[in-house]
């Protein structure tokens, strides 16, 4: 009986400990952090003198902090409520690469804008870095709406979202289950699920897909035993003379001062590279399934008419319900729309779209 009594006491103590842990872990850290910062340290985008920039952080539903840059015009009356736009970066990038370009430029045009680092990327929480979790990427946008919709100067009934490249698919995924997103736009969209399953132009066969999945599954043993993940290097440091056009296009952005955020040292190795094991998780990502349920909220799909990724915007447009629009930028490739502020980035089109639907 004495042994049983000791066992029972230890069991009760352990149950109490677990219960206490559950209570603590279910309590979300709701602290909102917001500090004004200077844009002069950033090399991949420029902010107009009449726009203020803030570094903000806030929790998502999984107790992870999402970090972003909030842009507000100095002329914006904070005693009134205004429309806002959440902006997401390309897949494998960070907010300083393209997302901040769009957020800062749209702030010049009167919107409050928030460029975010997706969970597991940039400054946002998530370990290991560069992990592939599409649902949590989408949750980053839902959490951004939580943040914006609780700011006193934001009209929570007029919040839009904009996704660049891979974030295009993630904002579609997020919008399907979040009617607070009143207008949805994408630029150079990638469907990361489709490109992983089928390759570009649906050139990858089912058998080839199965071979990659099998290779990744075997690689899990190696990673489990070593405790180290095996990262793929997407782009060489030096561009080969025989590089294909798509590789050369990405190299020109991610391997040059154009796309590298110098002060933070966020080179390709700390952003773009991912593991094959992680990459295979995209095989289960179908952002365009039920895309028609977003209607009657409007959708705008923007792509370069020379972009290798145009097929994804075309597919989304075909499946979406009205109101919808497919807008092509003449003589533009995929990354032309990342940061070409002198003519190809479609700021005018985005301004007219959001001003029409975000009152």
Protein backbone atom coordinates (compact mmCIF):
# COMPACT_ATOMS: atom_id res chain seq x y z
CA UNK A 1 0.00 0.00 0.00
CA UNK A 2 2.87 2.33 0.80
CA UNK A 3 4.36 1.79 -2.68
CA UNK A 4 0.98 2.41 -4.27
CA UNK A 5 0.56 5.57 -2.25
CA UNK A 6 3.92 6.94 -3.41
CA UNK A 7 3.09 6.00 -7.00
CA UNK A 8 -0.29 7.69 -6.75
CA UNK A 9 1.28 10.83 -5.29
CA UNK A 10 3.86 11.00 -8.09
CA UNK A 11 1.13 10.44 -10.67
CA UNK A 12 -0.98 13.23 -9.23
CA UNK A 13 2.02 15.55 -9.15
CA UNK A 14 2.83 14.75 -12.78
CA UNK A 15 -0.78 15.32 -13.81
CA UNK A 16 -0.77 18.63 -11.99
CA UNK A 17 2.44 19.60 -13.77
CA UNK A 18 1.01 18.73 -17.17
CA UNK A 19 -2.20 20.58 -16.38
CA UNK A 20 -0.19 23.64 -15.41
CA UNK A 21 1.78 23.43 -18.63
CA UNK A 22 -1.40 23.23 -20.67
CA UNK A 23 -2.79 26.26 -18.94
CA UNK A 24 0.33 28.26 -19.70
CA UNK A 25 0.74 27.16 -23.31
CA UNK A 26 -2.90 27.96 -24.05
CA UNK A 27 -2.40 31.55 -22.95
CA UNK A 28 -1.44 33.56 -26.03
CA UNK A 29 1.13 36.30 -25.74
CA UNK A 30 -1.00 39.14 -27.08
CA UNK A 31 1.71 41.77 -26.78
CA UNK A 32 1.84 44.01 -29.83
CA UNK A 33 5.23 45.53 -30.57
CA UNK A 34 5.50 48.58 -32.80
CA UNK A 35 8.52 50.83 -33.24
CA UNK A 36 9.28 53.51 -35.78
CA UNK A 37 12.38 52.74 -37.84
CA UNK A 38 14.39 54.38 -40.58
CA UNK A 39 14.27 52.99 -44.10
CA UNK A 40 17.76 54.26 -44.88
CA UNK A 41 19.38 50.97 -43.83
CA UNK A 42 17.47 48.96 -46.44
CA UNK A 43 18.94 48.34 -49.86
CA UNK A 44 16.18 46.53 -51.73
CA UNK A 45 13.51 49.24 -51.61
CA UNK A 46 13.12 52.96 -51.05
CA UNK A 47 10.52 54.76 -48.97
CA UNK A 48 9.23 58.21 -49.84
CA UNK A 49 9.92 60.99 -47.37
CA UNK A 50 6.21 61.41 -46.66
CA UNK A 51 5.81 57.76 -45.57
CA UNK A 52 6.55 56.52 -42.05
CA UNK A 53 7.86 53.00 -41.50
CA UNK A 54 7.37 50.84 -38.40
CA UNK A 55 8.64 47.43 -37.38
CA UNK A 56 5.73 45.51 -35.85
CA UNK A 57 5.22 42.07 -34.36
CA UNK A 58 2.11 40.26 -33.23
CA UNK A 59 0.97 36.68 -32.45
CA UNK A 60 -0.66 34.19 -34.75
CA UNK A 61 -3.10 31.53 -33.55
CA UNK A 62 -0.22 29.14 -32.80
CA UNK A 63 1.52 31.48 -30.34
CA UNK A 64 4.19 32.35 -32.89
CA UNK A 65 5.16 35.93 -33.52
CA UNK A 66 4.80 37.36 -37.00
CA UNK A 67 7.07 40.29 -37.85
CA UNK A 68 6.31 42.91 -40.46
CA UNK A 69 6.89 46.42 -41.72
CA UNK A 70 3.96 48.81 -41.43
CA UNK A 71 3.92 51.77 -43.82
CA UNK A 72 1.73 54.81 -43.19
CA UNK A 73 1.63 58.12 -45.04
CA UNK A 74 2.46 61.09 -42.82
CA UNK A 75 -0.66 62.70 -44.28
CA UNK A 76 -2.90 59.91 -43.03
CA UNK A 77 -5.23 61.16 -40.29
CA UNK A 78 -4.87 58.60 -37.50
CA UNK A 79 -8.09 59.90 -35.92
CA UNK A 80 -10.02 58.39 -38.85
CA UNK A 81 -10.29 54.83 -40.13
CA UNK A 82 -8.55 53.86 -43.36
CA UNK A 83 -8.30 50.95 -45.78
CA UNK A 84 -5.31 48.64 -45.36
CA UNK A 85 -3.47 46.03 -47.40
CA UNK A 86 -1.39 43.04 -46.25
CA UNK A 87 1.50 42.17 -48.59
CA UNK A 88 3.35 38.84 -48.81
CA UNK A 89 6.83 38.16 -50.20
CA UNK A 90 7.91 35.64 -52.87
CA UNK A 91 8.43 32.02 -51.90
CA UNK A 92 11.90 31.70 -50.40
CA UNK A 93 12.30 35.44 -49.96
CA UNK A 94 11.73 37.79 -47.02
CA UNK A 95 9.64 40.93 -46.64
CA UNK A 96 12.54 43.17 -47.73
CA UNK A 97 12.55 41.38 -51.09
CA UNK A 98 9.61 42.66 -53.17
CA UNK A 99 6.90 42.79 -50.45
CA UNK A 100 8.31 46.01 -48.98
CA UNK A 101 8.52 47.46 -52.49
CA UNK A 102 4.78 47.05 -52.99
CA UNK A 103 3.86 47.98 -49.43
CA UNK A 104 5.87 51.22 -49.48
CA UNK A 105 4.62 52.27 -52.91
CA UNK A 106 0.96 51.58 -52.06
CA UNK A 107 1.42 53.55 -48.82
CA UNK A 108 2.44 56.52 -50.97
CA UNK A 109 -0.96 56.16 -52.62
CA UNK A 110 -2.92 56.48 -49.41
CA UNK A 111 -3.23 52.95 -48.03
CA UNK A 112 -1.94 51.70 -44.70
CA UNK A 113 0.13 48.69 -45.72
CA UNK A 114 1.78 45.81 -43.88
CA UNK A 115 4.49 43.64 -45.44
CA UNK A 116 5.01 40.46 -43.40
CA UNK A 117 7.61 37.74 -43.09
CA UNK A 118 5.80 34.42 -43.35
CA UNK A 119 6.27 32.08 -40.41
CA UNK A 120 9.66 30.29 -40.60
CA UNK A 121 11.07 33.07 -42.82
CA UNK A 122 12.93 36.28 -42.10
CA UNK A 123 12.29 37.71 -38.66
CA UNK A 124 9.08 35.79 -37.95
CA UNK A 125 9.07 32.87 -35.53
CA UNK A 126 9.57 29.32 -36.72
CA UNK A 127 12.33 26.74 -36.32
CA UNK A 128 13.99 25.46 -38.39
CA UNK A 129 14.20 28.38 -40.77
CA UNK A 130 12.95 27.88 -44.31
CA UNK A 131 10.60 25.06 -43.23
CA UNK A 132 7.72 24.25 -45.58
CA UNK A 133 4.32 24.56 -43.87
CA UNK A 134 1.79 26.06 -46.30
CA UNK A 135 -1.03 26.25 -43.75
CA UNK A 136 1.13 28.33 -41.42
CA UNK A 137 2.13 30.58 -44.30
CA UNK A 138 -1.56 31.27 -44.91
CA UNK A 139 -2.09 31.79 -41.18
CA UNK A 140 0.48 34.61 -41.31
CA UNK A 141 -1.97 36.56 -43.48
CA UNK A 142 -4.92 35.74 -41.23
CA UNK A 143 -2.89 36.95 -38.23
CA UNK A 144 -1.94 40.13 -40.11
CA UNK A 145 -5.64 40.87 -40.52
CA UNK A 146 -6.08 40.30 -36.76
CA UNK A 147 -3.41 42.92 -36.15
CA UNK A 148 -4.62 45.49 -38.65
CA UNK A 149 -8.29 45.05 -37.79
CA UNK A 150 -7.62 45.93 -34.16
CA UNK A 151 -5.71 49.15 -34.89
CA UNK A 152 -7.83 52.26 -34.14
CA UNK A 153 -6.94 53.94 -37.47
CA UNK A 154 -7.79 50.91 -39.66
CA UNK A 155 -11.25 50.15 -41.06
CA UNK A 156 -11.54 46.42 -40.38
CA UNK A 157 -14.25 46.16 -43.06
CA UNK A 158 -11.82 47.34 -45.74
CA UNK A 159 -8.72 45.16 -45.55
CA UNK A 160 -7.21 43.71 -48.71
CA UNK A 161 -4.36 41.26 -49.37
CA UNK A 162 -1.65 41.10 -52.00
CA UNK A 163 0.59 38.10 -52.58
CA UNK A 164 3.73 38.15 -54.73
CA UNK A 165 4.95 34.89 -56.31
CA UNK A 166 4.38 32.01 -53.85
CA UNK A 167 2.46 34.30 -51.51
CA UNK A 168 -0.12 34.60 -54.27
CA UNK A 169 -1.15 31.01 -53.62
CA UNK A 170 -0.95 31.52 -49.86
CA UNK A 171 -3.26 34.57 -49.89
CA UNK A 172 -5.78 32.63 -51.97
CA UNK A 173 -5.62 29.82 -49.42
CA UNK A 174 -6.02 32.30 -46.56
CA UNK A 175 -8.87 34.21 -48.21
CA UNK A 176 -10.94 31.06 -48.74
CA UNK A 177 -11.44 30.79 -44.99
CA UNK A 178 -11.25 34.46 -44.03
CA UNK A 179 -14.03 36.72 -45.35
CA UNK A 180 -12.40 39.67 -43.58
CA UNK A 181 -10.13 39.88 -46.64
CA UNK A 182 -12.34 42.03 -48.83
CA UNK A 183 -10.20 42.22 -51.98
CA UNK A 184 -7.53 39.73 -53.10
CA UNK A 185 -4.73 40.47 -55.57
CA UNK A 186 -1.72 38.46 -56.73
CA UNK A 187 1.41 39.41 -58.68
CA UNK A 188 3.54 36.84 -60.56
CA UNK A 189 1.66 34.13 -58.67
CA UNK A 190 3.03 30.65 -58.14
CA UNK A 191 0.88 27.71 -57.16
CA UNK A 192 3.59 25.98 -55.12
CA UNK A 193 1.51 22.82 -54.96
CA UNK A 194 1.04 22.51 -58.72
CA UNK A 195 4.66 23.34 -59.60
CA UNK A 196 5.92 20.77 -57.08
CA UNK A 197 3.58 18.08 -58.35
CA UNK A 198 3.77 18.79 -62.07
CA UNK A 199 6.73 21.08 -62.78
CA UNK A 200 6.47 23.96 -65.24
CA UNK A 201 3.99 23.41 -68.04
CA UNK A 202 2.93 20.14 -66.41
CA UNK A 203 6.11 18.54 -67.75
CA UNK A 204 6.68 16.31 -64.69
CA UNK A 205 5.04 12.90 -64.91
CA UNK A 206 3.37 11.15 -62.00
CA UNK A 207 6.20 8.60 -62.01
CA UNK A 208 8.82 11.34 -61.77
CA UNK A 209 6.88 12.88 -58.90
CA UNK A 210 6.79 9.52 -57.12
CA UNK A 211 10.56 9.17 -57.57
CA UNK A 212 11.14 12.54 -55.87
CA UNK A 213 8.78 11.65 -53.04
CA UNK A 214 10.56 8.32 -52.54
CA UNK A 215 13.97 10.03 -52.55
CA UNK A 216 12.79 12.52 -49.94
CA UNK A 217 11.30 9.76 -47.79
CA UNK A 218 14.61 7.86 -47.75
CA UNK A 219 16.45 11.10 -47.03
CA UNK A 220 14.44 11.47 -43.84
CA UNK A 221 16.38 8.51 -42.36
CA UNK A 222 19.66 10.28 -43.06
CA UNK A 223 18.41 13.50 -41.51
CA UNK A 224 16.95 11.66 -38.52
CA UNK A 225 20.21 9.81 -37.81
CA UNK A 226 22.49 12.81 -38.31
CA UNK A 227 20.21 15.40 -36.75
CA UNK A 228 21.02 17.68 -39.68
CA UNK A 229 18.78 18.74 -42.51
CA UNK A 230 20.04 18.48 -46.07
CA UNK A 231 19.45 21.73 -47.93
CA UNK A 232 19.21 22.08 -51.68
CA UNK A 233 21.13 24.93 -53.30
CA UNK A 234 18.74 26.43 -55.82
CA UNK A 235 21.12 28.85 -57.47
CA UNK A 236 24.91 28.67 -57.92
CA UNK A 237 27.06 31.49 -56.60
CA UNK A 238 28.41 31.99 -60.11
CA UNK A 239 25.96 31.79 -63.00
CA UNK A 240 26.96 29.09 -65.51
CA UNK A 241 27.35 30.23 -69.11
CA UNK A 242 24.81 27.63 -70.20
CA UNK A 243 22.21 28.54 -67.55
CA UNK A 244 18.61 28.30 -68.68
CA UNK A 245 16.60 31.56 -68.85
CA UNK A 246 14.61 30.93 -65.66
CA UNK A 247 17.74 30.20 -63.63
CA UNK A 248 19.43 33.29 -65.05
CA UNK A 249 16.38 35.41 -64.21
CA UNK A 250 16.31 34.27 -60.58
CA UNK A 251 20.10 34.58 -60.26
CA UNK A 252 19.87 38.22 -61.37
CA UNK A 253 17.58 38.91 -58.43
CA UNK A 254 18.72 36.66 -55.58
CA UNK A 255 22.47 36.65 -56.27
CA UNK A 256 22.97 40.39 -56.87
CA UNK A 257 22.64 43.61 -54.90
CA UNK A 258 19.27 44.02 -56.56
CA UNK A 259 17.72 41.35 -54.33
CA UNK A 260 20.18 40.74 -51.49
CA UNK A 261 19.28 42.71 -48.39
CA UNK A 262 22.85 43.77 -47.52
CA UNK A 263 22.58 45.06 -43.91
CA UNK A 264 20.97 41.91 -42.54
CA UNK A 265 23.12 39.55 -44.59
CA UNK A 266 20.03 37.79 -45.89
CA UNK A 267 21.68 36.13 -48.84
CA UNK A 268 20.27 33.19 -50.76
CA UNK A 269 21.62 30.68 -48.25
CA UNK A 270 19.51 32.17 -45.45
CA UNK A 271 16.34 32.56 -47.49
CA UNK A 272 15.82 30.73 -50.75
CA UNK A 273 17.37 27.34 -49.97
CA UNK A 274 15.05 24.59 -48.72
CA UNK A 275 15.17 20.85 -48.09
CA UNK A 276 13.83 18.21 -50.48
CA UNK A 277 12.01 16.60 -47.55
CA UNK A 278 10.26 19.86 -46.81
CA UNK A 279 9.60 20.66 -50.45
CA UNK A 280 7.58 17.47 -50.88
CA UNK A 281 4.99 18.80 -48.42
CA UNK A 282 3.81 21.11 -51.20
CA UNK A 283 2.43 18.03 -52.95
CA UNK A 284 -0.50 18.26 -50.53
CA UNK A 285 -1.11 21.97 -51.17
CA UNK A 286 -4.10 22.77 -53.42
CA UNK A 287 -4.82 26.51 -53.05
CA UNK A 288 -7.17 26.72 -56.03
CA UNK A 289 -9.57 24.05 -54.79
CA UNK A 290 -12.84 25.88 -53.95
CA UNK A 291 -11.38 29.22 -55.10
CA UNK A 292 -14.83 30.06 -56.45
CA UNK A 293 -16.12 30.30 -52.86
CA UNK A 294 -14.19 33.56 -52.42
CA UNK A 295 -16.82 35.26 -54.59
CA UNK A 296 -18.44 37.81 -54.38
CA UNK A 297 -15.18 39.25 -53.08
CA UNK A 298 -13.10 40.47 -56.06
CA UNK A 299 -9.88 38.86 -57.26
CA UNK A 300 -7.16 40.36 -59.46
CA UNK A 301 -4.42 38.22 -60.98
CA UNK A 302 -1.44 40.15 -62.40
CA UNK A 303 1.37 38.51 -64.37
CA UNK A 304 3.95 39.37 -66.98
CA UNK A 305 2.98 38.25 -70.48
CA UNK A 306 6.49 36.77 -70.85
CA UNK A 307 6.53 35.12 -67.40
CA UNK A 308 7.20 31.39 -67.15
CA UNK A 309 4.76 31.41 -64.21
CA UNK A 310 1.83 32.85 -66.19
CA UNK A 311 0.13 29.45 -66.25
CA UNK A 312 -0.69 29.69 -62.53
CA UNK A 313 -2.49 33.04 -62.81
CA UNK A 314 -4.35 31.75 -65.86
CA UNK A 315 -5.46 28.64 -63.99
CA UNK A 316 -6.62 30.61 -60.96
CA UNK A 317 -8.52 33.04 -63.17
CA UNK A 318 -10.24 30.17 -64.99
CA UNK A 319 -11.41 28.58 -61.74
CA UNK A 320 -12.35 31.74 -59.82
CA UNK A 321 -15.86 33.17 -59.88
CA UNK A 322 -16.80 36.74 -60.75
CA UNK A 323 -15.79 39.42 -60.04
CA UNK A 324 -12.32 38.55 -61.32
CA UNK A 325 -9.69 39.93 -63.67
CA UNK A 326 -6.51 38.67 -65.31
CA UNK A 327 -4.17 41.58 -66.04
CA UNK A 328 -1.02 41.06 -68.12
CA UNK A 329 1.97 43.38 -68.02
CA UNK A 330 3.47 43.73 -71.48
CA UNK A 331 7.02 42.45 -72.08
CA UNK A 332 7.49 41.49 -68.42
CA UNK A 333 8.93 38.29 -67.02
CA UNK A 334 8.32 36.85 -63.58
CA UNK A 335 10.84 38.87 -61.54
CA UNK A 336 10.34 42.09 -63.54
CA UNK A 337 7.27 42.51 -61.34
CA UNK A 338 9.24 41.97 -58.10
CA UNK A 339 10.89 45.36 -58.01
CA UNK A 340 10.84 47.19 -61.34
CA UNK A 341 9.44 50.48 -60.06
CA UNK A 342 10.25 52.44 -63.21
CA UNK A 343 7.55 50.99 -65.44
CA UNK A 344 6.69 47.31 -65.06
CA UNK A 345 5.55 46.92 -61.45
CA UNK A 346 1.75 47.40 -61.71
CA UNK A 347 1.21 50.02 -58.99
CA UNK A 348 -1.42 51.96 -60.95
CA UNK A 349 -3.49 48.83 -61.56
CA UNK A 350 -3.29 47.79 -57.92
CA UNK A 351 -4.20 51.27 -56.73
CA UNK A 352 -7.31 51.40 -58.91
CA UNK A 353 -8.33 47.86 -57.88
CA UNK A 354 -8.02 48.44 -54.15
CA UNK A 355 -9.57 51.91 -54.28
CA UNK A 356 -12.56 50.46 -56.15
CA UNK A 357 -13.19 47.66 -53.68
CA UNK A 358 -11.83 49.05 -50.41
CA UNK A 359 -13.97 52.10 -49.70
